[in-house]
Amino acid sequence: TGSLTLRSDHPVETRGGNTSTFTRVDFPTPFPDGSEVVILAQVQTF
């Protein structure tokens, strides 16, 4: 688990494929190679 602060200074992305405005999150400890990983994320503030 983890948390981070995000903001958006970019227009709404309406088409898939362009990840240039995304933020990279590295796991504190990588999962084993070949693992199928599922992410659940939720905004914690308002």
PDB file of all heavy atoms in Angstrom:
ATOM      1  N   THR A   1       0.837  -1.195   0.000  1.00  0.00           N
ATOM      2  CA  THR A   1       0.000   0.000   0.000  1.00  0.00           C
ATOM      3  C   THR A   1       0.871   1.243   0.000  1.00  0.00           C
ATOM      4  O   THR A   1       2.063   1.196   0.327  1.00  0.00           O
ATOM      5  CB  THR A   1      -0.924   0.045   1.234  1.00  0.00           C
ATOM      6  OG1 THR A   1      -0.114   0.071   2.411  1.00  0.00           O
ATOM      7  CG2 THR A   1      -1.858  -1.146   1.269  1.00  0.00           C
ATOM      8  N   GLY A   2       0.259   2.360  -0.359  1.00  0.00           N
ATOM      9  CA  GLY A   2       0.982   3.625  -0.326  1.00  0.00           C
ATOM     10  C   GLY A   2       0.044   4.776  -0.620  1.00  0.00           C
ATOM     11  O   GLY A   2      -1.159   4.595  -0.828  1.00  0.00           O
ATOM     12  N   SER A   3       0.605   5.957  -0.599  1.00  0.00           N
ATOM     13  CA  SER A   3      -0.158   7.157  -0.961  1.00  0.00           C
ATOM     14  C   SER A   3       0.779   8.143  -1.617  1.00  0.00           C
ATOM     15  O   SER A   3       2.001   8.067  -1.472  1.00  0.00           O
ATOM     16  CB  SER A   3      -0.832   7.772   0.266  1.00  0.00           C
ATOM     17  OG  SER A   3       0.133   8.265   1.158  1.00  0.00           O
ATOM     18  N   LEU A   4       0.199   9.071  -2.359  1.00  0.00           N
ATOM     19  CA  LEU A   4       0.965  10.117  -3.011  1.00  0.00           C
ATOM     20  C   LEU A   4       0.073  11.318  -3.228  1.00  0.00           C
ATOM     21  O   LEU A   4      -1.148  11.224  -3.128  1.00  0.00           O
ATOM     22  CB  LEU A   4       1.547   9.644  -4.339  1.00  0.00           C
ATOM     23  CG  LEU A   4       0.590   9.388  -5.493  1.00  0.00           C
ATOM     24  CD1 LEU A   4       1.331   9.587  -6.799  1.00  0.00           C
ATOM     25  CD2 LEU A   4       0.030   7.998  -5.434  1.00  0.00           C
ATOM     26  N   THR A   5       0.699  12.452  -3.488  1.00  0.00           N
ATOM     27  CA  THR A   5      -0.030  13.667  -3.821  1.00  0.00           C
ATOM     28  C   THR A   5      -0.011  13.821  -5.333  1.00  0.00           C
ATOM     29  O   THR A   5       1.049  13.773  -5.951  1.00  0.00           O
ATOM     30  CB  THR A   5       0.613  14.900  -3.159  1.00  0.00           C
ATOM     31  OG1 THR A   5       0.602  14.705  -1.747  1.00  0.00           O
ATOM     32  CG2 THR A   5      -0.137  16.167  -3.510  1.00  0.00           C
ATOM     33  N   LEU A   6      -1.198  13.978  -5.912  1.00  0.00           N
ATOM     34  CA  LEU A   6      -1.327  14.179  -7.357  1.00  0.00           C
ATOM     35  C   LEU A   6      -2.036  15.501  -7.622  1.00  0.00           C
ATOM     36  O   LEU A   6      -2.851  15.948  -6.821  1.00  0.00           O
ATOM     37  CB  LEU A   6      -2.164  13.073  -7.996  1.00  0.00           C
ATOM     38  CG  LEU A   6      -1.549  11.720  -8.232  1.00  0.00           C
ATOM     39  CD1 LEU A   6      -2.571  10.788  -8.880  1.00  0.00           C
ATOM     40  CD2 LEU A   6      -0.318  11.813  -9.092  1.00  0.00           C
ATOM     41  N   ARG A   7      -1.750  16.089  -8.760  1.00  0.00           N
ATOM     42  CA  ARG A   7      -2.463  17.258  -9.269  1.00  0.00           C
ATOM     43  C   ARG A   7      -2.504  17.124 -10.791  1.00  0.00           C
ATOM     44  O   ARG A   7      -1.762  16.322 -11.355  1.00  0.00           O
ATOM     45  CB  ARG A   7      -1.805  18.569  -8.836  1.00  0.00           C
ATOM     46  CG  ARG A   7      -0.416  18.806  -9.418  1.00  0.00           C
ATOM     47  CD  ARG A   7       0.202  20.159  -9.044  1.00  0.00           C
ATOM     48  NE  ARG A   7      -0.532  21.236  -9.635  1.00  0.00           N
ATOM     49  CZ  ARG A   7      -1.238  22.154  -8.937  1.00  0.00           C
ATOM     50  NH1 ARG A   7      -1.275  22.107  -7.629  1.00  0.00           N
ATOM     51  NH2 ARG A   7      -1.893  23.106  -9.554  1.00  0.00           N
ATOM     52  N   SER A   8      -3.332  17.905 -11.417  1.00  0.00           N
ATOM     53  CA  SER A   8      -3.380  17.888 -12.875  1.00  0.00           C
ATOM     54  C   SER A   8      -3.233  19.301 -13.396  1.00  0.00           C
ATOM     55  O   SER A   8      -4.012  20.185 -13.050  1.00  0.00           O
ATOM     56  CB  SER A   8      -4.699  17.298 -13.375  1.00  0.00           C
ATOM     57  OG  SER A   8      -4.736  17.359 -14.787  1.00  0.00           O
ATOM     58  N   ASP A   9      -2.224  19.510 -14.213  1.00  0.00           N
ATOM     59  CA  ASP A   9      -2.008  20.789 -14.888  1.00  0.00           C
ATOM     60  C   ASP A   9      -2.298  20.661 -16.380  1.00  0.00           C
ATOM     61  O   ASP A   9      -1.931  21.524 -17.164  1.00  0.00           O
ATOM     62  CB  ASP A   9      -0.563  21.256 -14.680  1.00  0.00           C
ATOM     63  CG  ASP A   9      -0.248  21.511 -13.218  1.00  0.00           C
ATOM     64  OD1 ASP A   9      -1.103  22.063 -12.515  1.00  0.00           O
ATOM     65  OD2 ASP A   9       0.854  21.143 -12.766  1.00  0.00           O
ATOM     66  N   HIS A  10      -2.937  19.551 -16.759  1.00  0.00           N
ATOM     67  CA  HIS A  10      -3.152  19.226 -18.170  1.00  0.00           C
ATOM     68  C   HIS A  10      -4.639  19.101 -18.482  1.00  0.00           C
ATOM     69  O   HIS A  10      -5.445  18.837 -17.607  1.00  0.00           O
ATOM     70  CB  HIS A  10      -2.453  17.904 -18.498  1.00  0.00           C
ATOM     71  CG  HIS A  10      -1.008  17.905 -18.152  1.00  0.00           C
ATOM     72  ND1 HIS A  10      -0.054  18.535 -18.914  1.00  0.00           N
ATOM     73  CD2 HIS A  10      -0.346  17.384 -17.096  1.00  0.00           C
ATOM     74  CE1 HIS A  10       1.131  18.390 -18.363  1.00  0.00           C
ATOM     75  NE2 HIS A  10       0.982  17.692 -17.242  1.00  0.00           N
ATOM     76  N   PRO A  11      -5.009  19.263 -19.750  1.00  0.00           N
ATOM     77  CA  PRO A  11      -6.401  19.074 -20.145  1.00  0.00           C
ATOM     78  C   PRO A  11      -6.856  17.643 -19.864  1.00  0.00           C
ATOM     79  O   PRO A  11      -6.042  16.738 -19.722  1.00  0.00           O
ATOM     80  CB  PRO A  11      -6.393  19.345 -21.646  1.00  0.00           C
ATOM     81  CG  PRO A  11      -5.104  19.989 -21.955  1.00  0.00           C
ATOM     82  CD  PRO A  11      -4.149  19.623 -20.874  1.00  0.00           C
ATOM     83  N   VAL A  12      -8.166  17.459 -19.808  1.00  0.00           N
ATOM     84  CA  VAL A  12      -8.729  16.121 -19.652  1.00  0.00           C
ATOM     85  C   VAL A  12      -8.263  15.274 -20.827  1.00  0.00           C
ATOM     86  O   VAL A  12      -8.297  15.710 -21.979  1.00  0.00           O
ATOM     87  CB  VAL A  12     -10.274  16.189 -19.625  1.00  0.00           C
ATOM     88  CG1 VAL A  12     -10.880  14.805 -19.702  1.00  0.00           C
ATOM     89  CG2 VAL A  12     -10.746  16.911 -18.380  1.00  0.00           C
ATOM     90  N   GLU A  13      -7.799  14.069 -20.540  1.00  0.00           N
ATOM     91  CA  GLU A  13      -7.395  13.132 -21.586  1.00  0.00           C
ATOM     92  C   GLU A  13      -8.626  12.356 -22.006  1.00  0.00           C
ATOM     93  O   GLU A  13      -9.256  11.692 -21.180  1.00  0.00           O
ATOM     94  CB  GLU A  13      -6.307  12.195 -21.067  1.00  0.00           C
ATOM     95  CG  GLU A  13      -5.687  11.334 -22.122  1.00  0.00           C
ATOM     96  CD  GLU A  13      -4.979  12.122 -23.190  1.00  0.00           C
ATOM     97  OE1 GLU A  13      -4.058  12.887 -22.880  1.00  0.00           O
ATOM     98  OE2 GLU A  13      -5.380  11.983 -24.377  1.00  0.00           O
ATOM     99  N   THR A  14      -9.016  12.465 -23.273  1.00  0.00           N
ATOM    100  CA  THR A  14     -10.238  11.816 -23.754  1.00  0.00           C
ATOM    101  C   THR A  14      -9.957  10.637 -24.679  1.00  0.00           C
ATOM    102  O   THR A  14     -10.880   9.984 -25.124  1.00  0.00           O
ATOM    103  CB  THR A  14     -11.147  12.832 -24.482  1.00  0.00           C
ATOM    104  OG1 THR A  14     -10.408  13.403 -25.570  1.00  0.00           O
ATOM    105  CG2 THR A  14     -11.616  13.914 -23.532  1.00  0.00           C
ATOM    106  N   ARG A  15      -8.674  10.384 -24.974  1.00  0.00           N
ATOM    107  CA  ARG A  15      -8.308   9.255 -25.828  1.00  0.00           C
ATOM    108  C   ARG A  15      -7.251   8.425 -25.120  1.00  0.00           C
ATOM    109  O   ARG A  15      -6.385   8.960 -24.439  1.00  0.00           O
ATOM    110  CB  ARG A  15      -7.761   9.731 -27.171  1.00  0.00           C
ATOM    111  CG  ARG A  15      -8.794  10.486 -27.987  1.00  0.00           C
ATOM    112  CD  ARG A  15      -8.321  10.857 -29.345  1.00  0.00           C
ATOM    113  NE  ARG A  15      -6.885  11.093 -29.384  1.00  0.00           N
ATOM    114  CZ  ARG A  15      -6.247  11.559 -30.440  1.00  0.00           C
ATOM    115  NH1 ARG A  15      -6.910  11.838 -31.526  1.00  0.00           N
ATOM    116  NH2 ARG A  15      -4.954  11.753 -30.416  1.00  0.00           N
ATOM    117  N   GLY A  16      -7.310   7.132 -25.296  1.00  0.00           N
ATOM    118  CA  GLY A  16      -6.344   6.237 -24.665  1.00  0.00           C
ATOM    119  C   GLY A  16      -4.999   6.252 -25.359  1.00  0.00           C
ATOM    120  O   GLY A  16      -4.866   6.723 -26.483  1.00  0.00           O
ATOM    121  N   GLY A  17      -4.004   5.734 -24.653  1.00  0.00           N
ATOM    122  CA  GLY A  17      -2.690   5.553 -25.261  1.00  0.00           C
ATOM    123  C   GLY A  17      -1.644   6.581 -24.899  1.00  0.00           C
ATOM    124  O   GLY A  17      -0.463   6.276 -24.896  1.00  0.00           O
ATOM    125  N   ASN A  18      -2.036   7.814 -24.603  1.00  0.00           N
ATOM    126  CA  ASN A  18      -1.067   8.849 -24.267  1.00  0.00           C
ATOM    127  C   ASN A  18      -0.864   8.875 -22.757  1.00  0.00           C
ATOM    128  O   ASN A  18      -1.717   9.345 -22.016  1.00  0.00           O
ATOM    129  CB  ASN A  18      -1.527  10.221 -24.758  1.00  0.00           C
ATOM    130  CG  ASN A  18      -0.558  11.323 -24.382  1.00  0.00           C
ATOM    131  OD1 ASN A  18       0.567  11.068 -23.951  1.00  0.00           O
ATOM    132  ND2 ASN A  18      -0.977  12.557 -24.536  1.00  0.00           N
ATOM    133  N   THR A  19       0.279   8.391 -22.285  1.00  0.00           N
ATOM    134  CA  THR A  19       0.558   8.372 -20.856  1.00  0.00           C
ATOM    135  C   THR A  19       1.643   9.379 -20.471  1.00  0.00           C
ATOM    136  O   THR A  19       2.206   9.303 -19.385  1.00  0.00           O
ATOM    137  CB  THR A  19       0.976   6.957 -20.397  1.00  0.00           C
ATOM    138  OG1 THR A  19       2.119   6.544 -21.145  1.00  0.00           O
ATOM    139  CG2 THR A  19      -0.161   5.959 -20.574  1.00  0.00           C
ATOM    140  N   SER A  20       1.898  10.346 -21.330  1.00  0.00           N
ATOM    141  CA  SER A  20       2.973  11.317 -21.064  1.00  0.00           C
ATOM    142  C   SER A  20       2.683  12.226 -19.874  1.00  0.00           C
ATOM    143  O   SER A  20       3.607  12.808 -19.317  1.00  0.00           O
ATOM    144  CB  SER A  20       3.249  12.159 -22.316  1.00  0.00           C
ATOM    145  OG  SER A  20       2.123  12.953 -22.634  1.00  0.00           O
ATOM    146  N   THR A  21       1.428  12.348 -19.462  1.00  0.00           N
ATOM    147  CA  THR A  21       1.086  13.208 -18.326  1.00  0.00           C
ATOM    148  C   THR A  21       0.849  12.406 -17.044  1.00  0.00           C
ATOM    149  O   THR A  21       0.418  12.966 -16.044  1.00  0.00           O
ATOM    150  CB  THR A  21      -0.166  14.052 -18.646  1.00  0.00           C
ATOM    151  OG1 THR A  21      -1.262  13.178 -18.913  1.00  0.00           O
ATOM    152  CG2 THR A  21       0.086  14.970 -19.832  1.00  0.00           C
ATOM    153  N   PHE A  22       1.133  11.127 -17.063  1.00  0.00           N
ATOM    154  CA  PHE A  22       0.950  10.274 -15.899  1.00  0.00           C
ATOM    155  C   PHE A  22       2.164  10.364 -14.972  1.00  0.00           C
ATOM    156  O   PHE A  22       3.258  10.718 -15.392  1.00  0.00           O
ATOM    157  CB  PHE A  22       0.774   8.814 -16.326  1.00  0.00           C
ATOM    158  CG  PHE A  22      -0.585   8.485 -16.893  1.00  0.00           C
ATOM    159  CD1 PHE A  22      -1.107   9.163 -17.980  1.00  0.00           C
ATOM    160  CD2 PHE A  22      -1.333   7.456 -16.347  1.00  0.00           C
ATOM    161  CE1 PHE A  22      -2.339   8.835 -18.512  1.00  0.00           C
ATOM    162  CE2 PHE A  22      -2.573   7.113 -16.865  1.00  0.00           C
ATOM    163  CZ  PHE A  22      -3.083   7.803 -17.949  1.00  0.00           C
ATOM    164  N   THR A  23       1.967   9.997 -13.713  1.00  0.00           N
ATOM    165  CA  THR A  23       3.034   9.943 -12.713  1.00  0.00           C
ATOM    166  C   THR A  23       3.388   8.480 -12.470  1.00  0.00           C
ATOM    167  O   THR A  23       2.509   7.637 -12.302  1.00  0.00           O
ATOM    168  CB  THR A  23       2.561  10.585 -11.386  1.00  0.00           C
ATOM    169  OG1 THR A  23       2.271  11.959 -11.633  1.00  0.00           O
ATOM    170  CG2 THR A  23       3.605  10.461 -10.303  1.00  0.00           C
ATOM    171  N   ARG A  24       4.673   8.188 -12.423  1.00  0.00           N
ATOM    172  CA  ARG A  24       5.149   6.821 -12.179  1.00  0.00           C
ATOM    173  C   ARG A  24       5.180   6.558 -10.679  1.00  0.00           C
ATOM    174  O   ARG A  24       5.695   7.365  -9.902  1.00  0.00           O
ATOM    175  CB  ARG A  24       6.547   6.647 -12.767  1.00  0.00           C
ATOM    176  CG  ARG A  24       7.153   5.299 -12.522  1.00  0.00           C
ATOM    177  CD  ARG A  24       6.672   4.309 -13.547  1.00  0.00           C
ATOM    178  NE  ARG A  24       7.165   2.992 -13.197  1.00  0.00           N
ATOM    179  CZ  ARG A  24       6.573   1.891 -13.558  1.00  0.00           C
ATOM    180  NH1 ARG A  24       5.499   1.932 -14.306  1.00  0.00           N
ATOM    181  NH2 ARG A  24       7.046   0.732 -13.204  1.00  0.00           N
ATOM    182  N   VAL A  25       4.617   5.432 -10.251  1.00  0.00           N
ATOM    183  CA  VAL A  25       4.695   4.971  -8.866  1.00  0.00           C
ATOM    184  C   VAL A  25       5.483   3.664  -8.874  1.00  0.00           C
ATOM    185  O   VAL A  25       5.104   2.715  -9.565  1.00  0.00           O
ATOM    186  CB  VAL A  25       3.293   4.733  -8.258  1.00  0.00           C
ATOM    187  CG1 VAL A  25       3.410   4.131  -6.866  1.00  0.00           C
ATOM    188  CG2 VAL A  25       2.496   6.025  -8.227  1.00  0.00           C
ATOM    189  N   ASP A  26       6.590   3.634  -8.148  1.00  0.00           N
ATOM    190  CA  ASP A  26       7.381   2.410  -8.006  1.00  0.00           C
ATOM    191  C   ASP A  26       7.036   1.768  -6.671  1.00  0.00           C
ATOM    192  O   ASP A  26       6.979   2.447  -5.641  1.00  0.00           O
ATOM    193  CB  ASP A  26       8.875   2.714  -8.065  1.00  0.00           C
ATOM    194  CG  ASP A  26       9.309   3.195  -9.431  1.00  0.00           C
ATOM    195  OD1 ASP A  26       8.868   2.608 -10.432  1.00  0.00           O
ATOM    196  OD2 ASP A  26      10.077   4.169  -9.506  1.00  0.00           O
ATOM    197  N   PHE A  27       6.810   0.456  -6.665  1.00  0.00           N
ATOM    198  CA  PHE A  27       6.510  -0.249  -5.438  1.00  0.00           C
ATOM    199  C   PHE A  27       7.732  -0.224  -4.520  1.00  0.00           C
ATOM    200  O   PHE A  27       8.865  -0.324  -5.002  1.00  0.00           O
ATOM    201  CB  PHE A  27       6.097  -1.697  -5.716  1.00  0.00           C
ATOM    202  CG  PHE A  27       4.858  -1.819  -6.561  1.00  0.00           C
ATOM    203  CD1 PHE A  27       4.840  -2.643  -7.672  1.00  0.00           C
ATOM    204  CD2 PHE A  27       3.706  -1.126  -6.239  1.00  0.00           C
ATOM    205  CE1 PHE A  27       3.708  -2.773  -8.443  1.00  0.00           C
ATOM    206  CE2 PHE A  27       2.555  -1.239  -7.001  1.00  0.00           C
ATOM    207  CZ  PHE A  27       2.565  -2.061  -8.113  1.00  0.00           C
ATOM    208  N   PRO A  28       7.517  -0.129  -3.202  1.00  0.00           N
ATOM    209  CA  PRO A  28       8.652  -0.167  -2.277  1.00  0.00           C
ATOM    210  C   PRO A  28       9.499  -1.432  -2.463  1.00  0.00           C
ATOM    211  O   PRO A  28      10.717  -1.383  -2.416  1.00  0.00           O
ATOM    212  CB  PRO A  28       8.001  -0.145  -0.892  1.00  0.00           C
ATOM    213  CG  PRO A  28       6.652   0.459  -1.101  1.00  0.00           C
ATOM    214  CD  PRO A  28       6.240   0.068  -2.497  1.00  0.00           C
ATOM    215  N   THR A  29       8.826  -2.557  -2.701  1.00  0.00           N
ATOM    216  CA  THR A  29       9.488  -3.825  -3.001  1.00  0.00           C
ATOM    217  C   THR A  29       8.815  -4.394  -4.247  1.00  0.00           C
ATOM    218  O   THR A  29       7.603  -4.638  -4.226  1.00  0.00           O
ATOM    219  CB  THR A  29       9.323  -4.828  -1.832  1.00  0.00           C
ATOM    220  OG1 THR A  29       9.839  -4.244  -0.650  1.00  0.00           O
ATOM    221  CG2 THR A  29      10.023  -6.131  -2.129  1.00  0.00           C
ATOM    222  N   PRO A  30       9.551  -4.579  -5.337  1.00  0.00           N
ATOM    223  CA  PRO A  30       8.918  -5.132  -6.533  1.00  0.00           C
ATOM    224  C   PRO A  30       8.304  -6.508  -6.251  1.00  0.00           C
ATOM    225  O   PRO A  30       8.817  -7.279  -5.443  1.00  0.00           O
ATOM    226  CB  PRO A  30      10.069  -5.255  -7.532  1.00  0.00           C
ATOM    227  CG  PRO A  30      11.086  -4.282  -7.051  1.00  0.00           C
ATOM    228  CD  PRO A  30      10.962  -4.267  -5.559  1.00  0.00           C
ATOM    229  N   PHE A  31       7.189  -6.787  -6.910  1.00  0.00           N
ATOM    230  CA  PHE A  31       6.584  -8.111  -6.836  1.00  0.00           C
ATOM    231  C   PHE A  31       7.440  -9.072  -7.661  1.00  0.00           C
ATOM    232  O   PHE A  31       8.190  -8.636  -8.554  1.00  0.00           O
ATOM    233  CB  PHE A  31       5.156  -8.066  -7.379  1.00  0.00           C
ATOM    234  CG  PHE A  31       4.194  -7.337  -6.489  1.00  0.00           C
ATOM    235  CD1 PHE A  31       3.865  -6.006  -6.726  1.00  0.00           C
ATOM    236  CD2 PHE A  31       3.602  -7.972  -5.399  1.00  0.00           C
ATOM    237  CE1 PHE A  31       2.974  -5.321  -5.904  1.00  0.00           C
ATOM    238  CE2 PHE A  31       2.709  -7.297  -4.574  1.00  0.00           C
ATOM    239  CZ  PHE A  31       2.397  -5.975  -4.828  1.00  0.00           C
ATOM    240  N   PRO A  32       7.352 -10.374  -7.422  1.00  0.00           N
ATOM    241  CA  PRO A  32       8.133 -11.333  -8.207  1.00  0.00           C
ATOM    242  C   PRO A  32       7.826 -11.220  -9.699  1.00  0.00           C
ATOM    243  O   PRO A  32       6.694 -10.950 -10.093  1.00  0.00           O
ATOM    244  CB  PRO A  32       7.693 -12.694  -7.655  1.00  0.00           C
ATOM    245  CG  PRO A  32       7.189 -12.410  -6.271  1.00  0.00           C
ATOM    246  CD  PRO A  32       6.574 -11.030  -6.361  1.00  0.00           C
ATOM    247  N   ASP A  33       8.849 -11.439 -10.525  1.00  0.00           N
ATOM    248  CA  ASP A  33       8.649 -11.430 -11.976  1.00  0.00           C
ATOM    249  C   ASP A  33       7.530 -12.381 -12.355  1.00  0.00           C
ATOM    250  O   ASP A  33       7.402 -13.467 -11.784  1.00  0.00           O
ATOM    251  CB  ASP A  33       9.936 -11.845 -12.698  1.00  0.00           C
ATOM    252  CG  ASP A  33      10.979 -10.755 -12.671  1.00  0.00           C
ATOM    253  OD1 ASP A  33      10.612  -9.580 -12.450  1.00  0.00           O
ATOM    254  OD2 ASP A  33      12.172 -11.068 -12.870  1.00  0.00           O
ATOM    255  N   GLY A  34       6.702 -11.967 -13.299  1.00  0.00           N
ATOM    256  CA  GLY A  34       5.587 -12.768 -13.772  1.00  0.00           C
ATOM    257  C   GLY A  34       4.322 -12.616 -12.945  1.00  0.00           C
ATOM    258  O   GLY A  34       3.306 -13.207 -13.279  1.00  0.00           O
ATOM    259  N   SER A  35       4.376 -11.823 -11.868  1.00  0.00           N
ATOM    260  CA  SER A  35       3.184 -11.615 -11.043  1.00  0.00           C
ATOM    261  C   SER A  35       2.138 -10.826 -11.797  1.00  0.00           C
ATOM    262  O   SER A  35       2.463  -9.900 -12.541  1.00  0.00           O
ATOM    263  CB  SER A  35       3.528 -10.842  -9.769  1.00  0.00           C
ATOM    264  OG  SER A  35       4.381 -11.566  -8.938  1.00  0.00           O
ATOM    265  N   GLU A  36       0.871 -11.189 -11.592  1.00  0.00           N
ATOM    266  CA  GLU A  36      -0.242 -10.402 -12.103  1.00  0.00           C
ATOM    267  C   GLU A  36      -0.677  -9.488 -10.959  1.00  0.00           C
ATOM    268  O   GLU A  36      -1.129  -9.951  -9.912  1.00  0.00           O
ATOM    269  CB  GLU A  36      -1.386 -11.297 -12.542  1.00  0.00           C
ATOM    270  CG  GLU A  36      -2.496 -10.547 -13.219  1.00  0.00           C
ATOM    271  CD  GLU A  36      -3.575 -11.479 -13.742  1.00  0.00           C
ATOM    272  OE1 GLU A  36      -3.345 -12.690 -13.862  1.00  0.00           O
ATOM    273  OE2 GLU A  36      -4.679 -10.974 -14.035  1.00  0.00           O
ATOM    274  N   VAL A  37      -0.521  -8.181 -11.155  1.00  0.00           N
ATOM    275  CA  VAL A  37      -0.760  -7.200 -10.092  1.00  0.00           C
ATOM    276  C   VAL A  37      -2.028  -6.406 -10.399  1.00  0.00           C
ATOM    277  O   VAL A  37      -2.250  -5.980 -11.534  1.00  0.00           O
ATOM    278  CB  VAL A  37       0.443  -6.229  -9.955  1.00  0.00           C
ATOM    279  CG1 VAL A  37       0.199  -5.221  -8.853  1.00  0.00           C
ATOM    280  CG2 VAL A  37       1.727  -7.012  -9.702  1.00  0.00           C
ATOM    281  N   VAL A  38      -2.854  -6.206  -9.373  1.00  0.00           N
ATOM    282  CA  VAL A  38      -4.080  -5.429  -9.478  1.00  0.00           C
ATOM    283  C   VAL A  38      -3.924  -4.199  -8.583  1.00  0.00           C
ATOM    284  O   VAL A  38      -3.483  -4.307  -7.442  1.00  0.00           O
ATOM    285  CB  VAL A  38      -5.304  -6.259  -9.026  1.00  0.00           C
ATOM    286  CG1 VAL A  38      -6.556  -5.403  -9.004  1.00  0.00           C
ATOM    287  CG2 VAL A  38      -5.481  -7.459  -9.924  1.00  0.00           C
ATOM    288  N   ILE A  39      -4.296  -3.020  -9.114  1.00  0.00           N
ATOM    289  CA  ILE A  39      -4.195  -1.761  -8.372  1.00  0.00           C
ATOM    290  C   ILE A  39      -5.599  -1.256  -8.036  1.00  0.00           C
ATOM    291  O   ILE A  39      -6.467  -1.192  -8.907  1.00  0.00           O
ATOM    292  CB  ILE A  39      -3.489  -0.666  -9.215  1.00  0.00           C
ATOM    293  CG1 ILE A  39      -2.127  -1.145  -9.691  1.00  0.00           C
ATOM    294  CG2 ILE A  39      -3.409   0.644  -8.451  1.00  0.00           C
ATOM    295  CD1 ILE A  39      -1.137  -1.378  -8.595  1.00  0.00           C
ATOM    296  N   LEU A  40      -5.791  -0.858  -6.797  1.00  0.00           N
ATOM    297  CA  LEU A  40      -6.988  -0.144  -6.371  1.00  0.00           C
ATOM    298  C   LEU A  40      -6.515   1.207  -5.853  1.00  0.00           C
ATOM    299  O   LEU A  40      -5.628   1.267  -5.006  1.00  0.00           O
ATOM    300  CB  LEU A  40      -7.722  -0.896  -5.259  1.00  0.00           C
ATOM    301  CG  LEU A  40      -8.219  -2.291  -5.622  1.00  0.00           C
ATOM    302  CD1 LEU A  40      -8.771  -2.983  -4.385  1.00  0.00           C
ATOM    303  CD2 LEU A  40      -9.277  -2.205  -6.693  1.00  0.00           C
ATOM    304  N   ALA A  41      -7.099   2.292  -6.366  1.00  0.00           N
ATOM    305  CA  ALA A  41      -6.688   3.637  -5.941  1.00  0.00           C
ATOM    306  C   ALA A  41      -7.926   4.492  -5.712  1.00  0.00           C
ATOM    307  O   ALA A  41      -8.937   4.339  -6.412  1.00  0.00           O
ATOM    308  CB  ALA A  41      -5.804   4.275  -7.007  1.00  0.00           C
ATOM    309  N   GLN A  42      -7.829   5.386  -4.730  1.00  0.00           N
ATOM    310  CA  GLN A  42      -8.960   6.256  -4.417  1.00  0.00           C
ATOM    311  C   GLN A  42      -8.443   7.592  -3.903  1.00  0.00           C
ATOM    312  O   GLN A  42      -7.478   7.654  -3.142  1.00  0.00           O
ATOM    313  CB  GLN A  42      -9.848   5.604  -3.361  1.00  0.00           C
ATOM    314  CG  GLN A  42     -11.096   6.393  -3.073  1.00  0.00           C
ATOM    315  CD  GLN A  42     -12.064   5.602  -2.212  1.00  0.00           C
ATOM    316  OE1 GLN A  42     -11.809   4.479  -1.816  1.00  0.00           O
ATOM    317  NE2 GLN A  42     -13.191   6.214  -1.926  1.00  0.00           N
ATOM    318  N   VAL A  43      -9.124   8.671  -4.301  1.00  0.00           N
ATOM    319  CA  VAL A  43      -8.801  10.005  -3.806  1.00  0.00           C
ATOM    320  C   VAL A  43      -9.224  10.076  -2.335  1.00  0.00           C
ATOM    321  O   VAL A  43     -10.346   9.710  -1.991  1.00  0.00           O
ATOM    322  CB  VAL A  43      -9.508  11.095  -4.640  1.00  0.00           C
ATOM    323  CG1 VAL A  43      -9.213  12.475  -4.084  1.00  0.00           C
ATOM    324  CG2 VAL A  43      -9.074  10.992  -6.096  1.00  0.00           C
ATOM    325  N   GLN A  44      -8.330  10.553  -1.471  1.00  0.00           N
ATOM    326  CA  GLN A  44      -8.568  10.586  -0.031  1.00  0.00           C
ATOM    327  C   GLN A  44      -8.975  11.969   0.475  1.00  0.00           C
ATOM    328  O   GLN A  44      -9.328  12.113   1.645  1.00  0.00           O
ATOM    329  CB  GLN A  44      -7.296  10.154   0.714  1.00  0.00           C
ATOM    330  CG  GLN A  44      -6.745   8.825   0.258  1.00  0.00           C
ATOM    331  CD  GLN A  44      -7.600   7.661   0.691  1.00  0.00           C
ATOM    332  OE1 GLN A  44      -7.847   7.476   1.867  1.00  0.00           O
ATOM    333  NE2 GLN A  44      -8.078   6.892  -0.268  1.00  0.00           N
ATOM    334  N   THR A  45      -8.883  12.994  -0.380  1.00  0.00           N
ATOM    335  CA  THR A  45      -9.162  14.372   0.022  1.00  0.00           C
ATOM    336  C   THR A  45     -10.233  14.971  -0.869  1.00  0.00           C
ATOM    337  O   THR A  45     -10.674  14.353  -1.837  1.00  0.00           O
ATOM    338  CB  THR A  45      -7.877  15.220  -0.038  1.00  0.00           C
ATOM    339  OG1 THR A  45      -7.272  15.045  -1.328  1.00  0.00           O
ATOM    340  CG2 THR A  45      -6.876  14.797   1.034  1.00  0.00           C
ATOM    341  N   PHE A  46     -10.642  16.212  -0.578  1.00  0.00           N
ATOM    342  CA  PHE A  46     -11.707  16.896  -1.319  1.00  0.00           C
ATOM    343  C   PHE A  46     -11.250  18.335  -1.503  1.00  0.00           C
ATOM    344  O   PHE A  46     -11.648  19.217  -0.759  1.00  0.00           O
ATOM    345  CB  PHE A  46     -12.998  16.827  -0.504  1.00  0.00           C
ATOM    346  CG  PHE A  46     -14.228  17.258  -1.249  1.00  0.00           C
ATOM    347  CD1 PHE A  46     -15.351  16.458  -1.245  1.00  0.00           C
ATOM    348  CD2 PHE A  46     -14.290  18.453  -1.934  1.00  0.00           C
ATOM    349  CE1 PHE A  46     -16.507  16.838  -1.901  1.00  0.00           C
ATOM    350  CE2 PHE A  46     -15.429  18.858  -2.606  1.00  0.00           C
ATOM    351  CZ  PHE A  46     -16.541  18.037  -2.577  1.00  0.00           C
TER     352      PHE A  46
END
